[in-house]
Every structure is written in C-alpha cells, then in structure tokens.
N, C-alpha and C. Protein backbone atom coordinates (compact mmCIF):
# COMPACT_ATOMS: atom_id res chain seq x y z
N UNK A 1 4.05 -33.31 -7.52
CA UNK A 1 5.13 -32.35 -7.66
C UNK A 1 4.59 -31.04 -8.21
N UNK A 2 5.44 -30.05 -8.27
CA UNK A 2 5.01 -28.70 -8.64
C UNK A 2 4.47 -28.62 -10.06
N UNK A 3 5.09 -29.32 -10.98
CA UNK A 3 4.62 -29.26 -12.37
C UNK A 3 3.25 -29.89 -12.49
N UNK A 4 3.02 -31.02 -11.84
CA UNK A 4 1.70 -31.65 -11.90
C UNK A 4 0.64 -30.73 -11.33
N UNK A 5 0.93 -30.06 -10.23
CA UNK A 5 -0.04 -29.15 -9.64
C UNK A 5 -0.34 -27.99 -10.57
N UNK A 6 0.68 -27.51 -11.25
CA UNK A 6 0.47 -26.41 -12.19
C UNK A 6 -0.39 -26.85 -13.36
N UNK A 7 -0.15 -28.06 -13.84
CA UNK A 7 -0.91 -28.57 -14.98
C UNK A 7 -2.37 -28.84 -14.61
N UNK A 8 -2.65 -29.09 -13.34
CA UNK A 8 -4.02 -29.37 -12.91
C UNK A 8 -4.88 -28.12 -12.88
N UNK A 9 -4.26 -26.97 -12.85
CA UNK A 9 -5.01 -25.72 -12.79
C UNK A 9 -5.68 -25.48 -14.14
N UNK A 10 -6.97 -25.27 -14.13
CA UNK A 10 -7.72 -25.07 -15.38
C UNK A 10 -7.83 -23.59 -15.69
N UNK A 11 -7.43 -23.24 -16.87
CA UNK A 11 -7.51 -21.85 -17.32
C UNK A 11 -8.74 -21.70 -18.20
N UNK A 12 -9.50 -20.64 -17.96
CA UNK A 12 -10.69 -20.40 -18.75
C UNK A 12 -10.37 -19.75 -20.08
N UNK A 13 -9.22 -19.17 -20.18
CA UNK A 13 -8.85 -18.42 -21.37
C UNK A 13 -7.55 -18.98 -21.93
N UNK A 14 -7.44 -18.99 -23.23
CA UNK A 14 -6.19 -19.43 -23.84
C UNK A 14 -5.40 -18.20 -24.27
N UNK A 15 -4.10 -18.35 -24.28
CA UNK A 15 -3.22 -17.24 -24.63
C UNK A 15 -2.39 -17.62 -25.84
N UNK A 16 -1.90 -16.60 -26.51
CA UNK A 16 -0.99 -16.85 -27.62
C UNK A 16 0.31 -17.42 -27.06
N UNK A 17 1.04 -18.15 -27.91
CA UNK A 17 2.33 -18.68 -27.49
C UNK A 17 3.28 -17.55 -27.14
N UNK A 18 4.04 -17.76 -26.09
CA UNK A 18 5.03 -16.78 -25.66
C UNK A 18 6.39 -17.46 -25.69
N UNK A 19 7.33 -16.85 -26.36
CA UNK A 19 8.68 -17.41 -26.40
C UNK A 19 9.44 -16.98 -25.16
N UNK A 20 10.13 -17.94 -24.54
CA UNK A 20 10.92 -17.66 -23.35
C UNK A 20 12.09 -18.62 -23.28
N UNK A 21 13.13 -18.19 -22.62
CA UNK A 21 14.29 -19.06 -22.43
C UNK A 21 14.04 -19.98 -21.23
N UNK A 22 14.76 -21.09 -21.14
CA UNK A 22 14.59 -21.99 -20.00
C UNK A 22 14.77 -21.28 -18.65
N UNK A 23 15.69 -20.33 -18.57
CA UNK A 23 15.89 -19.63 -17.30
C UNK A 23 14.68 -18.78 -16.93
N UNK A 24 13.97 -18.28 -17.93
CA UNK A 24 12.77 -17.50 -17.64
C UNK A 24 11.63 -18.40 -17.19
N UNK A 25 11.55 -19.59 -17.72
CA UNK A 25 10.50 -20.53 -17.33
C UNK A 25 10.76 -21.08 -15.94
N UNK A 26 12.02 -21.20 -15.56
CA UNK A 26 12.38 -21.75 -14.25
C UNK A 26 11.71 -20.99 -13.11
N UNK A 27 11.52 -19.70 -13.27
CA UNK A 27 10.90 -18.92 -12.20
C UNK A 27 9.50 -19.43 -11.89
N UNK A 28 8.76 -19.89 -12.90
CA UNK A 28 7.41 -20.39 -12.66
C UNK A 28 7.43 -21.69 -11.87
N UNK A 29 8.33 -22.59 -12.23
CA UNK A 29 8.40 -23.85 -11.49
C UNK A 29 8.90 -23.60 -10.07
N UNK A 30 9.83 -22.67 -9.90
CA UNK A 30 10.32 -22.34 -8.56
C UNK A 30 9.22 -21.75 -7.70
N UNK A 31 8.45 -20.83 -8.25
CA UNK A 31 7.34 -20.24 -7.50
C UNK A 31 6.34 -21.30 -7.07
N UNK A 32 6.03 -22.21 -7.97
CA UNK A 32 5.07 -23.26 -7.65
C UNK A 32 5.61 -24.20 -6.58
N UNK A 33 6.88 -24.58 -6.68
CA UNK A 33 7.48 -25.47 -5.69
C UNK A 33 7.48 -24.83 -4.31
N UNK A 34 7.84 -23.56 -4.24
CA UNK A 34 7.86 -22.87 -2.95
C UNK A 34 6.46 -22.77 -2.37
N UNK A 35 5.48 -22.47 -3.19
CA UNK A 35 4.11 -22.35 -2.68
C UNK A 35 3.62 -23.68 -2.13
N UNK A 36 3.97 -24.79 -2.79
CA UNK A 36 3.57 -26.10 -2.30
C UNK A 36 4.30 -26.46 -1.01
N UNK A 37 5.56 -26.10 -0.90
CA UNK A 37 6.34 -26.39 0.30
C UNK A 37 5.87 -25.56 1.50
N UNK A 38 5.49 -24.33 1.26
CA UNK A 38 5.18 -23.41 2.35
C UNK A 38 3.74 -23.47 2.82
N UNK A 39 2.88 -24.09 2.08
CA UNK A 39 1.49 -24.14 2.54
C UNK A 39 1.41 -25.07 3.74
N UNK A 40 0.49 -24.78 4.63
CA UNK A 40 0.29 -25.63 5.79
C UNK A 40 -0.46 -26.89 5.40
N UNK A 41 -0.39 -27.89 6.24
CA UNK A 41 -1.10 -29.14 5.95
C UNK A 41 -2.59 -28.85 5.91
N UNK A 42 -3.23 -29.37 4.89
CA UNK A 42 -4.67 -29.17 4.74
C UNK A 42 -5.05 -27.86 4.09
N UNK A 43 -4.11 -26.96 3.90
CA UNK A 43 -4.41 -25.69 3.25
C UNK A 43 -4.38 -25.85 1.75
N UNK A 44 -5.22 -25.11 1.08
CA UNK A 44 -5.22 -25.11 -0.38
C UNK A 44 -4.53 -23.84 -0.85
N UNK A 45 -3.91 -23.95 -2.01
CA UNK A 45 -3.37 -22.75 -2.63
C UNK A 45 -4.29 -22.35 -3.77
N UNK A 46 -4.46 -21.07 -3.94
CA UNK A 46 -5.33 -20.56 -4.99
C UNK A 46 -4.55 -19.58 -5.85
N UNK A 47 -3.76 -20.10 -6.79
CA UNK A 47 -2.98 -19.19 -7.62
C UNK A 47 -3.87 -18.41 -8.58
N UNK A 48 -3.46 -17.21 -8.87
CA UNK A 48 -4.16 -16.38 -9.84
C UNK A 48 -3.13 -15.89 -10.84
N UNK A 49 -3.35 -16.21 -12.09
CA UNK A 49 -2.42 -15.81 -13.15
C UNK A 49 -3.13 -14.80 -14.04
N UNK A 50 -2.46 -13.72 -14.31
CA UNK A 50 -2.99 -12.71 -15.22
C UNK A 50 -1.95 -12.45 -16.29
N UNK A 51 -2.38 -12.50 -17.51
CA UNK A 51 -1.47 -12.32 -18.65
C UNK A 51 -1.85 -11.02 -19.33
N UNK A 52 -0.90 -10.14 -19.45
CA UNK A 52 -1.14 -8.84 -20.10
C UNK A 52 -0.17 -8.70 -21.25
N UNK A 53 -0.68 -8.69 -22.43
CA UNK A 53 0.19 -8.54 -23.60
C UNK A 53 -0.12 -7.20 -24.25
N UNK A 54 0.89 -6.36 -24.30
CA UNK A 54 0.72 -5.02 -24.84
C UNK A 54 1.20 -5.00 -26.28
N UNK A 55 0.29 -4.87 -27.19
CA UNK A 55 0.64 -4.85 -28.61
C UNK A 55 0.80 -3.40 -29.05
N UNK A 56 1.65 -3.08 -29.98
CA UNK A 56 2.47 -3.95 -30.80
C UNK A 56 3.80 -4.33 -30.15
N UNK A 57 4.03 -3.98 -28.89
CA UNK A 57 5.28 -4.33 -28.22
C UNK A 57 5.43 -5.83 -28.11
N UNK A 58 6.66 -6.30 -28.07
CA UNK A 58 6.90 -7.73 -27.93
C UNK A 58 7.08 -8.13 -26.47
N UNK A 59 6.76 -7.24 -25.56
CA UNK A 59 6.90 -7.54 -24.14
C UNK A 59 5.62 -8.12 -23.57
N UNK A 60 5.79 -8.97 -22.60
CA UNK A 60 4.66 -9.57 -21.90
C UNK A 60 4.86 -9.36 -20.41
N UNK A 61 3.82 -8.95 -19.73
CA UNK A 61 3.87 -8.80 -18.28
C UNK A 61 2.99 -9.89 -17.69
N UNK A 62 3.55 -10.65 -16.77
CA UNK A 62 2.80 -11.72 -16.12
C UNK A 62 2.80 -11.43 -14.63
N UNK A 63 1.62 -11.34 -14.05
CA UNK A 63 1.49 -11.09 -12.61
C UNK A 63 0.94 -12.35 -11.97
N UNK A 64 1.52 -12.72 -10.84
CA UNK A 64 1.09 -13.92 -10.13
C UNK A 64 0.77 -13.52 -8.70
N UNK A 65 -0.39 -13.90 -8.23
CA UNK A 65 -0.80 -13.64 -6.85
C UNK A 65 -1.24 -14.95 -6.22
N UNK A 66 -1.17 -15.01 -4.91
CA UNK A 66 -1.66 -16.20 -4.22
C UNK A 66 -2.32 -15.78 -2.92
N UNK A 67 -2.80 -16.76 -2.19
CA UNK A 67 -3.47 -16.48 -0.93
C UNK A 67 -2.59 -16.87 0.26
N UNK A 68 -1.28 -16.92 0.04
CA UNK A 68 -0.35 -17.30 1.10
C UNK A 68 -0.11 -16.18 2.10
N UNK A 69 0.64 -16.50 3.16
CA UNK A 69 0.87 -15.52 4.22
C UNK A 69 1.87 -14.43 3.84
N UNK A 70 2.59 -14.61 2.75
CA UNK A 70 3.57 -13.61 2.33
C UNK A 70 4.94 -13.87 2.92
N UNK A 71 5.85 -12.99 2.64
CA UNK A 71 7.24 -13.12 3.09
C UNK A 71 7.43 -12.23 4.31
N UNK A 72 8.05 -12.79 5.33
CA UNK A 72 8.26 -12.02 6.55
C UNK A 72 9.14 -10.80 6.26
N UNK A 73 8.89 -9.70 6.95
CA UNK A 73 9.68 -8.48 6.72
C UNK A 73 11.18 -8.71 6.87
N UNK A 74 11.60 -9.62 7.73
CA UNK A 74 13.03 -9.86 7.93
C UNK A 74 13.67 -10.53 6.72
N UNK A 75 12.89 -11.25 5.90
CA UNK A 75 13.43 -11.94 4.73
C UNK A 75 13.26 -11.15 3.43
N UNK A 76 12.40 -10.14 3.43
CA UNK A 76 12.09 -9.42 2.20
C UNK A 76 13.32 -8.80 1.54
N UNK A 77 14.28 -8.36 2.31
CA UNK A 77 15.46 -7.73 1.72
C UNK A 77 16.39 -8.74 1.06
N UNK A 78 16.17 -10.05 1.29
CA UNK A 78 17.06 -11.08 0.76
C UNK A 78 16.50 -11.80 -0.46
N UNK A 79 15.25 -11.58 -0.81
CA UNK A 79 14.62 -12.44 -1.82
C UNK A 79 15.25 -12.34 -3.21
N UNK A 80 15.94 -11.26 -3.51
CA UNK A 80 16.57 -11.15 -4.82
C UNK A 80 18.05 -11.52 -4.79
N UNK A 81 18.54 -11.99 -3.65
CA UNK A 81 19.92 -12.47 -3.56
C UNK A 81 20.04 -13.79 -4.30
N UNK A 82 21.10 -13.99 -5.06
CA UNK A 82 21.29 -15.27 -5.75
C UNK A 82 21.30 -16.43 -4.76
N UNK A 83 20.63 -17.49 -5.12
CA UNK A 83 20.58 -18.74 -4.35
C UNK A 83 19.85 -18.62 -3.02
N UNK A 84 19.11 -17.54 -2.80
CA UNK A 84 18.34 -17.41 -1.56
C UNK A 84 17.12 -18.32 -1.65
N UNK A 85 16.88 -19.09 -0.61
CA UNK A 85 15.66 -19.92 -0.55
C UNK A 85 15.07 -19.84 0.83
C-alpha cells in the first residue's frame, strides 16, 4: 500500500519535527496512492522530496517531484476541484 511504499524510501538526511494537522498529512498519502495507481506495470517511481525550512519563520515549504508522465492538459484545470480524482 501507499504508506508502506513511503516508509520504504530511505532518506539520507533527517529533519526537525514538523507539526501538521491530519488534513495536511492526507495530501502526502493521497499523492503516494495516486503515483502507485498511475504507474505502468513494471515501472518504478522515483520520488524526490525536498524540505526547505526558512528560519525564523514557522513556515515550511515542501516540494515533491516524480518521474511520472504528468497530468494531461485536459485535466489540469480540474486538479484543484474538490473530490477530483
């Protein structure tokens, strides 16, 4: 499942604890589930996570990239619609 795949990824660097609400964490599990569903058979996914913490601000920016084919132009306008999958 998506959580197991995420846990298998080895990070070379450790980060400070980041406080987040369950709804904020859900985006990570959703991204992982979609990437696993959309990959072709036999294809590997290569997620890249970058953590940028700007001090003294309490904000954290997290960028996630992958090697997938991307979202088709016809669907791009819908990705922020509630319940779009």
